[in-house]
Amino acid sequence: METPPPLVHVSTRPWKKLLVLVAIVAAAAIGYTQFRDSLTLQYLAAKEGELRSLQQDHAILVYCVAFLAYVVVTGLSLPGATALTLICGWLFGFWRGTLLVSFASTTGATVAFLVSRFLLRDSIQRKFGDRLATFNQALEREGAFYLFMLRLIPAVPFFVINVVMGLTPVRTRTYWWVSQLGMLPGTAVYVYAGSSVPDLATLADKGATGILSPQLLVAFALLGLVPLVLKKVIQRFRPAVAPPESAAGHESTINNHSVEAVRGHGNSSTGAFNVD
């Protein structure tokens, strides 16, 4: 088994990273302060008629604005992604809403992933590279599998996954398609919940209880069972992973020492032996 090539990091000047960090923080602060109230359910419920009219008169424009808003919220890790998902389901329906949220959430997650990689990866790998060597090799072999399972577990915040995976050797292309696939079941359930809302006023007034239905409860239950079922299936059909070459070499060394020790014991008149 060939040893994966070592990670190669291209050094970036600290002032460039500082400028990017300042720009991101400023954009997040401005976006949160300027649009915090505009993205609440209460505000949008008051503008429900205008939203419907705007969507009917300028369907493509509204679709593009909603896509961009979702990318910004997820890319900057701003609160409100769940509410946006429900609103997209209500405004665009299940199929178009799922398509929009699926690609917008993956785009935003990839942006956060790339920002984390640009700002933090070099310094983390430089400081803890020796300790993370085994971890990096495991992710190079099975990073897609680990990422897929994390995406299916609702308990793990997505912004944490975006930041942490940016520090790993997982390729951007792999991160994109695995995130797209792994987030799709949850996206579909939440968009379906939004599409079943009669109006935004009901959702704003009653909250989650206003959208609960037997079908939705079954959908959430199935969403919770997906990771468990996939884990069992993978454990059954997935081939065993071969031990790393270093571990095999270490085991071989131990065996050689054991053989020499036994021979030394057999040739020694006192029954003692030495191990090199």
Foldseek 3Di string as FASTA:
>chain_A
DDQDDDDDDDDDDPVVLVVVVVVLVVVQVCCCVVCVVVLDLVNCLVCVVVLQVCCVVPVVVVLVVLLVVLLSCLLSVHPRNLVSLLQLLQRPNQPSSLVSSLLSNLNSLLNLLQSLLVNPQVVVCVVCVVVCVVVQRVCVVCVLVVLLLLLLDPVDDSSVVSNVNSNHPDDSVSSRVSNSVSNSLVSSLSSNLSNQQPGSVQCNPVPPVSRDDPVSVVSVVVSNCVSVVVVVVCVVPPDDDDDDPVVVVVVVVVVVQVVQQVVQLVPDPVSHGDGD
